[in-house]
């Protein structure tokens, strides 16, 4: 019956116009069966093959025309010796609840054998009684590969000892494993869908640039080391993450469609810091060795002191000065209440880099206030660190000028010069705003340099006294 007749209208078809055929859904069912990724066959209650899709034809080589209508699988899809057992186990699904899983060796059309995993279940008729069996099967190795992929994914997101994050095309975390959540300082669900800028205060641009590159070009050839600062309730934590990236594409699309990026990373902060410290120690040791060799060639001990200062400055500070106690060395039993007066001995250029310049010998005291770090260093006979802090640039400039240092100074380290139990003076190392403040390891290095400078200055005093005598 035509559509117009079923709807009750009076429109009639023309005399030469064919009436559209009735559609019972058989063609739709065939399309669905042939479009399945799994192979499928079905049997009626008597064991006759009723359905056979294209994936079954691909795996075994038998076409639907060759398979449908056959009684059982014996002699063509299963060896005759195994057919009774195989068919009995398949047909038993009509009497069992749910699905059953079996593994069988089936025959291909060219005589080969292929191991398949079959899921079988009963087909119910209109009366609810079993009318047959359907079987979905795939090659065992393909099924095992799928199971391995699923198991790997679950392990990565549950038990992996490194961070794993799936980032969507908008560069937002879509899936996060427990280890990554700990490294990011948050929970697994709290991080989902949030911009990376809300989780990291530093390193966001570099990380997002890497993710964008992977989406466009694919995975880089080697892991990348990214320094970041993680926002935590306790404050920012600076960390180094060794990161690997993989572009994720949909396996169902004809053309590769990026689904996002798989980001795997490990925290290597401690090992990276140890590596940097070891490299810095090697450099400083080499500098001190070179300085000692160069100073040994100096006829004037005062010149040898400036040689040590010049070699120490490389990679350590931007500027340095040497001040000597006025009136001679200060002994340990000197009057602690007495004023400390310091005379400039040498200084490195505060503008363009160059060798240290010795004072002309005027002997005028440097205008240091009572609380100046260099004065405190002499009074304590120990190192003193000082910093301008994180205030405005104008305040930092005033802080530096008030201490008789170059205007761009932001950090200072004063180290006492001692030799033969006496305080000879102080050497001050200065850093600008582009560097970090001095740390404990820097103090140790500065004290080693100061010991060599003090030895040279003490020798210079002895030589001068001998010449005067």
Protein backbone atom coordinates (compact mmCIF):
# COMPACT_ATOMS: atom_id res chain seq x y z
CA UNK A 1 0.00 0.00 0.00
CA UNK A 2 1.34 3.48 -0.87
CA UNK A 3 2.12 6.15 1.68
CA UNK A 4 -0.88 8.22 0.63
CA UNK A 5 -3.25 5.29 1.00
CA UNK A 6 -1.83 4.41 4.44
CA UNK A 7 -2.28 7.98 5.57
CA UNK A 8 -5.90 8.02 4.42
CA UNK A 9 -5.54 10.65 1.64
CA UNK A 10 -7.30 10.40 -1.72
CA UNK A 11 -4.22 11.07 -3.88
CA UNK A 12 -3.84 8.32 -6.47
CA UNK A 13 -0.69 7.23 -8.27
CA UNK A 14 -0.45 7.80 -11.99
CA UNK A 15 -1.10 4.89 -14.33
CA UNK A 16 2.61 4.58 -15.24
CA UNK A 17 4.08 5.37 -11.81
CA UNK A 18 5.28 2.23 -9.98
CA UNK A 19 4.17 1.73 -6.42
CA UNK A 20 7.15 1.85 -3.99
CA UNK A 21 8.02 -1.56 -2.54
CA UNK A 22 7.25 -2.48 0.99
CA UNK A 23 10.35 -2.37 3.28
CA UNK A 24 10.46 -4.98 6.04
CA UNK A 25 13.88 -3.96 7.41
CA UNK A 26 15.76 -6.89 5.85
CA UNK A 27 18.06 -4.57 3.89
CA UNK A 28 18.76 -2.52 7.02
CA UNK A 29 19.60 -5.68 8.95
CA UNK A 30 21.94 -6.80 6.20
CA UNK A 31 23.69 -3.42 6.21
CA UNK A 32 24.12 -3.57 9.97
CA UNK A 33 25.52 -7.09 9.87
CA UNK A 34 27.96 -6.28 7.07
CA UNK A 35 29.11 -3.12 8.82
CA UNK A 36 30.07 -4.87 12.06
CA UNK A 37 33.70 -5.01 13.11
CA UNK A 38 33.18 -8.52 14.48
CA UNK A 39 32.44 -11.59 12.40
CA UNK A 40 28.90 -12.94 12.90
CA UNK A 41 27.06 -16.06 11.96
CA UNK A 42 23.74 -17.42 13.17
CA UNK A 43 22.07 -20.85 13.27
CA UNK A 44 18.45 -21.85 13.53
CA UNK A 45 17.27 -24.43 16.03
CA UNK A 46 18.29 -27.24 13.66
CA UNK A 47 21.86 -25.95 13.27
CA UNK A 48 21.44 -24.52 9.76
CA UNK A 49 23.45 -21.36 9.01
CA UNK A 50 21.05 -18.43 8.54
CA UNK A 51 23.37 -15.37 8.63
CA UNK A 52 26.98 -14.75 7.61
CA UNK A 53 28.46 -11.24 7.42
CA UNK A 54 31.41 -9.77 5.52
CA UNK A 55 33.83 -9.89 8.47
CA UNK A 56 33.21 -13.66 8.72
CA UNK A 57 33.96 -13.87 5.01
CA UNK A 58 37.18 -11.87 5.49
CA UNK A 59 38.44 -14.13 8.29
CA UNK A 60 37.48 -17.53 6.84
CA UNK A 61 37.18 -16.81 3.12
CA UNK A 62 33.69 -18.32 2.74
CA UNK A 63 31.14 -15.97 1.21
CA UNK A 64 27.60 -15.60 2.54
CA UNK A 65 26.26 -17.41 -0.53
CA UNK A 66 28.55 -20.36 0.25
CA UNK A 67 27.82 -20.42 3.98
CA UNK A 68 24.11 -19.66 4.40
CA UNK A 69 21.95 -22.77 4.20
CA UNK A 70 24.65 -25.23 5.22
CA UNK A 71 23.87 -27.75 7.92
CA UNK A 72 26.38 -27.06 10.69
CA UNK A 73 30.09 -26.35 10.21
CA UNK A 74 31.40 -29.87 9.65
CA UNK A 75 33.72 -30.40 6.72
CA UNK A 76 33.98 -26.81 5.58
CA UNK A 77 34.48 -24.43 8.56
CA UNK A 78 35.46 -27.06 11.16
CA UNK A 79 37.35 -30.33 10.82
CA UNK A 80 34.98 -33.27 10.73
CA UNK A 81 36.71 -34.80 13.75
CA UNK A 82 36.03 -31.66 15.81
CA UNK A 83 32.64 -30.75 14.38
CA UNK A 84 30.47 -32.66 16.87
CA UNK A 85 32.11 -31.09 19.91
CA UNK A 86 32.17 -27.58 18.41
CA UNK A 87 28.55 -27.62 17.30
CA UNK A 88 27.39 -29.09 20.60
CA UNK A 89 29.08 -26.32 22.54
CA UNK A 90 27.72 -23.62 20.24
CA UNK A 91 24.14 -24.91 20.25
CA UNK A 92 24.22 -25.33 24.04
CA UNK A 93 23.86 -21.54 24.22
CA UNK A 94 20.14 -21.99 23.44
CA UNK A 95 19.67 -23.56 26.86
CA UNK A 96 22.09 -21.41 28.85
CA UNK A 97 21.42 -17.93 30.24
CA UNK A 98 23.52 -15.02 28.98
CA UNK A 99 26.50 -15.39 26.68
CA UNK A 100 29.10 -18.13 26.48
CA UNK A 101 32.71 -17.67 25.37
CA UNK A 102 34.70 -20.36 23.58
CA UNK A 103 37.93 -20.63 21.60
CA UNK A 104 37.97 -22.87 18.53
CA UNK A 105 40.21 -23.53 15.55
CA UNK A 106 38.16 -22.90 12.39
CA UNK A 107 39.05 -23.77 8.80
CA UNK A 108 39.57 -21.19 6.09
CA UNK A 109 38.47 -21.69 2.51
CA UNK A 110 42.07 -22.16 1.35
CA UNK A 111 42.60 -24.95 3.88
CA UNK A 112 44.31 -22.98 6.63
CA UNK A 113 43.33 -22.84 10.28
CA UNK A 114 42.67 -19.79 12.39
CA UNK A 115 42.10 -19.66 16.15
CA UNK A 116 39.04 -17.58 17.01
CA UNK A 117 37.26 -16.50 20.17
CA UNK A 118 33.48 -16.94 19.89
CA UNK A 119 30.73 -15.39 21.98
CA UNK A 120 27.43 -17.23 21.52
CA UNK A 121 23.94 -16.53 22.83
CA UNK A 122 20.42 -17.75 22.23
CA UNK A 123 18.07 -16.11 19.70
CA UNK A 124 14.50 -15.93 21.06
CA UNK A 125 11.41 -16.30 18.91
CA UNK A 126 8.16 -14.34 19.23
CA UNK A 127 7.00 -16.77 21.89
CA UNK A 128 10.14 -16.23 23.93
CA UNK A 129 11.46 -19.71 23.28
CA UNK A 130 14.95 -20.33 21.83
CA UNK A 131 14.80 -20.25 18.02
CA UNK A 132 18.51 -20.44 17.30
CA UNK A 133 21.96 -19.19 18.19
CA UNK A 134 24.03 -16.23 17.05
CA UNK A 135 27.82 -16.29 17.27
CA UNK A 136 30.14 -13.28 17.16
CA UNK A 137 33.80 -14.15 16.71
CA UNK A 138 37.18 -12.59 16.00
CA UNK A 139 40.72 -13.82 15.63
CA UNK A 140 42.27 -14.54 18.99
CA UNK A 141 45.37 -12.42 18.38
CA UNK A 142 43.19 -9.42 17.52
CA UNK A 143 41.14 -9.94 20.65
CA UNK A 144 44.27 -10.34 22.75
CA UNK A 145 45.70 -7.14 21.26
CA UNK A 146 42.51 -5.32 22.22
CA UNK A 147 42.57 -6.73 25.73
CA UNK A 148 46.23 -5.80 26.09
CA UNK A 149 45.49 -2.25 24.97
CA UNK A 150 42.67 -1.95 27.49
CA UNK A 151 44.81 -3.49 30.25
CA UNK A 152 47.67 -1.13 29.42
CA UNK A 153 45.38 1.88 29.55
CA UNK A 154 43.96 0.83 32.90
CA UNK A 155 47.43 0.20 34.32
CA UNK A 156 48.71 3.58 33.15
CA UNK A 157 45.84 5.36 34.82
CA UNK A 158 45.95 3.35 38.03
CA UNK A 159 49.37 1.91 38.84
CA UNK A 160 51.92 3.83 36.73
CA UNK A 161 54.87 5.32 38.62
CA UNK A 162 54.93 8.36 36.33
CA UNK A 163 52.35 10.99 35.53
CA UNK A 164 49.95 10.34 32.64
CA UNK A 165 47.57 13.04 31.40
CA UNK A 166 45.30 12.99 28.36
CA UNK A 167 44.98 16.55 27.11
CA UNK A 168 42.09 17.37 24.75
CA UNK A 169 42.34 19.52 21.63
CA UNK A 170 41.62 22.61 23.76
CA UNK A 171 44.76 21.87 25.83
CA UNK A 172 42.77 20.97 28.94
CA UNK A 173 43.27 17.76 30.95
CA UNK A 174 40.61 15.16 30.11
CA UNK A 175 41.97 12.15 32.04
CA UNK A 176 44.60 12.20 34.80
CA UNK A 177 46.17 9.31 36.67
CA UNK A 178 46.83 9.34 40.41
CA UNK A 179 50.56 10.00 40.11
CA UNK A 180 50.05 13.02 37.84
CA UNK A 181 47.46 14.44 40.23
CA UNK A 182 49.98 14.25 43.07
CA UNK A 183 52.64 16.00 40.98
CA UNK A 184 50.13 18.71 40.06
CA UNK A 185 49.22 19.13 43.72
CA UNK A 186 45.51 18.42 43.28
CA UNK A 187 42.94 15.62 43.03
CA UNK A 188 42.22 13.53 39.93
CA UNK A 189 38.81 15.08 39.33
CA UNK A 190 39.67 18.62 40.40
CA UNK A 191 42.13 19.03 37.53
CA UNK A 192 39.80 17.91 34.73
CA UNK A 193 38.81 20.60 32.24
CA UNK A 194 40.87 23.33 33.91
CA UNK A 195 43.35 25.44 31.91
CA UNK A 196 46.97 24.58 32.61
CA UNK A 197 47.53 28.19 33.66
CA UNK A 198 45.40 27.56 36.75
CA UNK A 199 47.68 24.70 37.79
CA UNK A 200 51.09 26.14 36.87
CA UNK A 201 52.42 29.64 37.41
CA UNK A 202 55.59 29.16 35.35
CA UNK A 203 56.36 27.01 32.33
CA UNK A 204 52.78 27.15 30.99
CA UNK A 205 53.76 28.79 27.69
CA UNK A 206 56.48 26.25 27.00
CA UNK A 207 54.21 23.31 27.86
CA UNK A 208 51.27 24.59 25.78
CA UNK A 209 53.61 25.25 22.87
CA UNK A 210 54.80 21.63 23.03
CA UNK A 211 51.23 20.31 23.13
CA UNK A 212 50.21 22.49 20.17
CA UNK A 213 53.20 21.25 18.19
CA UNK A 214 52.30 17.62 18.87
CA UNK A 215 48.70 18.18 17.76
CA UNK A 216 49.91 19.71 14.50
CA UNK A 217 53.10 17.78 13.70
CA UNK A 218 53.11 14.63 15.84
CA UNK A 219 55.30 13.35 18.64
CA UNK A 220 58.81 14.80 19.10
CA UNK A 221 61.75 12.40 18.63
CA UNK A 222 62.94 12.60 22.25
CA UNK A 223 61.61 13.54 25.71
CA UNK A 224 61.74 17.19 26.73
CA UNK A 225 62.73 18.65 30.10
CA UNK A 226 60.34 21.37 31.22
CA UNK A 227 60.80 23.56 34.31
CA UNK A 228 57.50 24.57 35.88
CA UNK A 229 56.20 26.16 39.05
CA UNK A 230 53.24 24.25 40.50
CA UNK A 231 50.57 26.13 42.44
CA UNK A 232 49.90 24.40 45.77
CA UNK A 233 48.14 25.45 48.99
CA UNK A 234 51.59 25.71 50.58
CA UNK A 235 52.87 27.99 47.82
CA UNK A 236 54.66 27.56 44.52
CA UNK A 237 56.99 24.59 43.99
CA UNK A 238 59.58 24.76 41.21
CA UNK A 239 59.91 21.38 39.54
CA UNK A 240 61.58 19.86 36.49
CA UNK A 241 59.51 17.32 34.53
CA UNK A 242 60.92 15.05 31.85
CA UNK A 243 58.00 14.84 29.44
CA UNK A 244 57.07 12.66 26.49
CA UNK A 245 54.18 13.42 24.14
CA UNK A 246 52.02 11.29 21.82
CA UNK A 247 49.36 12.50 19.42
CA UNK A 248 46.09 10.61 19.84
CA UNK A 249 43.97 9.99 16.73
CA UNK A 250 40.62 8.26 16.36
CA UNK A 251 40.93 4.72 14.92
CA UNK A 252 37.36 4.93 13.59
CA UNK A 253 37.83 7.86 11.23
CA UNK A 254 38.92 7.47 7.62
CA UNK A 255 41.29 10.43 8.01
CA UNK A 256 43.35 10.87 11.21
CA UNK A 257 41.37 13.13 13.53
CA UNK A 258 43.36 14.41 16.54
CA UNK A 259 41.63 13.56 19.79
CA UNK A 260 44.28 15.22 21.92
CA UNK A 261 47.73 14.51 23.31
CA UNK A 262 48.98 11.83 25.66
CA UNK A 263 51.41 13.55 28.05
CA UNK A 264 53.64 11.32 30.20
CA UNK A 265 56.12 12.87 32.63
CA UNK A 266 58.41 12.15 35.56
CA UNK A 267 59.65 14.49 38.26
CA UNK A 268 63.45 14.69 37.87
CA UNK A 269 63.95 17.81 39.98
CA UNK A 270 66.33 16.24 42.49
CA UNK A 271 68.52 14.54 39.90
CA UNK A 272 68.52 17.67 37.71
CA UNK A 273 69.53 19.86 40.63
CA UNK A 274 72.27 17.40 41.57
CA UNK A 275 73.48 17.43 37.98
CA UNK A 276 73.51 21.22 37.91
CA UNK A 277 75.31 21.42 41.24
CA UNK A 278 77.93 18.94 40.07
CA UNK A 279 78.45 20.90 36.85
CA UNK A 280 78.72 24.15 38.78
CA UNK A 281 81.19 22.61 41.22
CA UNK A 282 83.38 21.38 38.37
CA UNK A 283 83.36 24.83 36.78
CA UNK A 284 84.22 26.60 40.02
CA UNK A 285 86.97 24.11 40.82
CA UNK A 286 88.49 24.68 37.39
CA UNK A 287 88.26 28.43 37.86
CA UNK A 288 90.07 28.27 41.19
CA UNK A 289 92.76 26.05 39.66
CA UNK A 290 93.27 28.47 36.78
CA UNK A 291 93.31 31.42 39.19
CA UNK A 292 95.97 29.78 41.34
CA UNK A 293 98.19 29.15 38.31
CA UNK A 294 97.74 32.74 37.07
CA UNK A 295 98.31 34.25 40.52
CA UNK A 296 101.53 32.28 40.93
CA UNK A 297 102.98 34.21 37.98
CA UNK A 298 102.25 37.62 39.55
CA UNK A 299 105.25 39.44 41.05
CA UNK A 300 103.00 41.74 43.08
CA UNK A 301 100.89 39.90 45.73
CA UNK A 302 98.24 42.62 45.49
CA UNK A 303 97.88 41.87 41.79
CA UNK A 304 97.55 38.17 42.65
CA UNK A 305 94.59 39.08 44.90
CA UNK A 306 92.78 40.79 42.03
CA UNK A 307 93.53 37.81 39.76
CA UNK A 308 91.68 35.53 42.19
CA UNK A 309 88.81 38.02 42.25
CA UNK A 310 88.56 38.20 38.45
CA UNK A 311 88.49 34.43 38.02
CA UNK A 312 85.89 34.03 40.81
CA UNK A 313 83.57 36.57 39.21
CA UNK A 314 82.89 34.47 36.06
CA UNK A 315 79.38 33.01 36.31
CA UNK A 316 79.20 33.91 40.00
CA UNK A 317 78.56 37.64 40.36
CA UNK A 318 78.29 40.81 38.29
CA UNK A 319 80.53 43.03 40.39
CA UNK A 320 82.93 42.73 43.34
CA UNK A 321 84.98 44.98 45.63
CA UNK A 322 87.80 44.37 48.10
CA UNK A 323 87.94 46.56 51.20
CA UNK A 324 90.79 46.41 53.71
CA UNK A 325 90.64 47.32 57.38
CA UNK A 326 92.13 50.79 57.83
CA UNK A 327 95.18 51.02 60.04
CA UNK A 328 96.22 47.41 59.75
CA UNK A 329 94.74 43.99 60.46
CA UNK A 330 92.12 43.54 63.15
CA UNK A 331 93.11 40.91 65.73
CA UNK A 332 90.69 38.61 67.48
CA UNK A 333 91.06 40.45 70.79
CA UNK A 334 90.45 43.89 69.25
CA UNK A 335 87.98 46.15 70.96
CA UNK A 336 84.62 44.98 69.64
CA UNK A 337 83.08 48.34 70.40
CA UNK A 338 85.60 50.19 68.28
CA UNK A 339 84.49 51.54 64.91
CA UNK A 340 85.31 49.61 61.76
CA UNK A 341 86.83 51.65 58.97
CA UNK A 342 87.41 50.10 55.57
CA UNK A 343 89.61 51.32 52.73
CA UNK A 344 88.95 50.35 49.10
CA UNK A 345 91.72 48.12 47.72
CA UNK A 346 90.26 46.98 44.37
CA UNK A 347 86.99 46.83 42.44
CA UNK A 348 85.72 45.33 39.22
CA UNK A 349 84.23 47.72 36.65
CA UNK A 350 80.54 48.31 37.27
CA UNK A 351 79.83 48.97 33.58
CA UNK A 352 81.54 47.04 30.81
CA UNK A 353 83.29 43.89 32.00
CA UNK A 354 87.06 44.03 32.50
CA UNK A 355 89.87 43.27 34.93
CA UNK A 356 89.77 44.53 38.51
CA UNK A 357 91.13 48.01 39.14
CA UNK A 358 93.34 48.63 42.17
CA UNK A 359 92.80 51.75 44.25
CA UNK A 360 95.19 54.59 43.65
CA UNK A 361 96.47 54.48 47.22
CA UNK A 362 94.71 57.53 48.61
CA UNK A 363 93.75 55.51 51.69
CA UNK A 364 90.47 57.32 52.29
CA UNK A 365 87.85 55.27 54.19
CA UNK A 366 84.78 54.08 52.30
CA UNK A 367 81.59 55.79 53.46
CA UNK A 368 79.88 52.73 54.95
CA UNK A 369 77.26 53.20 57.62
CA UNK A 370 77.33 51.40 60.98
CA UNK A 371 74.86 48.71 59.85
CA UNK A 372 76.46 48.14 56.47
CA UNK A 373 76.81 44.40 55.58
CA UNK A 374 80.58 44.79 55.02
CA UNK A 375 80.98 46.34 58.47
CA UNK A 376 78.89 43.57 60.04
CA UNK A 377 81.03 41.00 58.21
CA UNK A 378 84.22 42.37 59.80
CA UNK A 379 82.62 42.63 63.24
CA UNK A 380 81.32 39.05 63.14
CA UNK A 381 84.31 37.63 61.26
CA UNK A 382 81.81 35.71 59.14
CA UNK A 383 79.85 35.95 55.90
CA UNK A 384 76.79 38.19 55.56
CA UNK A 385 74.14 37.95 52.84
CA UNK A 386 71.87 40.84 51.93
CA UNK A 387 69.12 41.41 49.35
CA UNK A 388 66.93 44.27 48.19
CA UNK A 389 63.84 42.05 48.24
CA UNK A 390 61.00 42.00 45.72
CA UNK A 391 59.98 45.64 46.06
CA UNK A 392 59.71 48.26 43.30
CA UNK A 393 62.76 48.99 41.16
CA UNK A 394 63.14 52.51 42.56
CA UNK A 395 63.31 51.18 46.12
CA UNK A 396 65.93 48.62 45.09
CA UNK A 397 67.97 51.38 43.43
CA UNK A 398 67.88 53.50 46.59
CA UNK A 399 68.82 50.43 48.65
CA UNK A 400 71.93 49.83 46.51
CA UNK A 401 73.06 53.45 46.36
CA UNK A 402 72.69 53.86 50.12
CA UNK A 403 75.23 51.06 50.55
CA UNK A 404 77.71 52.53 48.07
CA UNK A 405 77.05 49.82 45.49
CA UNK A 406 76.16 50.11 41.78
CA UNK A 407 72.55 51.15 41.20
CA UNK A 408 71.56 47.88 39.54
CA UNK A 409 72.64 45.75 42.54
CA UNK A 410 69.94 43.53 44.05
CA UNK A 411 71.89 40.90 46.02
CA UNK A 412 75.15 41.05 48.00
CA UNK A 413 77.44 38.59 49.75
CA UNK A 414 80.15 39.92 52.07
CA UNK A 415 82.90 37.48 53.08
CA UNK A 416 85.61 38.23 55.61
CA UNK A 417 89.31 38.17 54.66
CA UNK A 418 91.29 36.45 57.40
CA UNK A 419 94.89 35.33 57.57
CA UNK A 420 97.08 34.22 60.50
CA UNK A 421 94.21 34.72 62.96
CA UNK A 422 93.58 38.33 61.94
CA UNK A 423 90.85 40.06 59.96
CA UNK A 424 92.37 41.90 56.99
CA UNK A 425 89.16 43.16 55.40
CA UNK A 426 86.16 42.01 53.40
CA UNK A 427 85.39 41.03 49.81
CA UNK A 428 81.87 41.82 48.58
CA UNK A 429 80.23 40.03 45.63
CA UNK A 430 77.25 41.76 44.00
CA UNK A 431 74.50 40.50 41.68
CA UNK A 432 71.97 42.41 39.59
CA UNK A 433 68.23 41.88 39.24
CA UNK A 434 68.63 39.23 36.53
CA UNK A 435 70.13 36.74 39.00
CA UNK A 436 68.88 34.84 42.02
CA UNK A 437 70.06 35.69 45.51
CA UNK A 438 73.16 34.09 47.01
CA UNK A 439 72.65 30.66 48.56
CA UNK A 440 74.59 28.56 51.06
CA UNK A 441 76.64 26.86 48.34
CA UNK A 442 77.58 30.31 47.03
CA UNK A 443 78.79 31.30 50.48
CA UNK A 444 81.06 28.28 50.65
CA UNK A 445 82.62 29.13 47.30
CA UNK A 446 83.04 32.81 48.25
CA UNK A 447 84.81 31.83 51.47
CA UNK A 448 87.26 29.66 49.51
CA UNK A 449 88.01 32.58 47.19
CA UNK A 450 88.30 34.95 50.16
CA UNK A 451 90.89 32.70 51.81
CA UNK A 452 93.12 32.94 48.71
CA UNK A 453 92.63 36.69 48.42
CA UNK A 454 93.43 37.13 52.13
CA UNK A 455 96.63 35.12 51.76
CA UNK A 456 97.74 37.33 48.85
CA UNK A 457 96.87 40.56 50.71
CA UNK A 458 98.67 39.38 53.82
CA UNK A 459 101.72 38.61 51.73
CA UNK A 460 101.47 42.04 50.15
CA UNK A 461 101.49 43.62 53.61
CA UNK A 462 104.53 41.61 54.61
CA UNK A 463 106.37 42.61 51.45
CA UNK A 464 105.46 46.29 51.95
CA UNK A 465 106.61 46.20 55.58
CA UNK A 466 109.89 44.61 54.52
CA UNK A 467 110.51 47.28 51.92
CA UNK A 468 109.74 50.03 54.44
CA UNK A 469 112.12 48.45 56.92
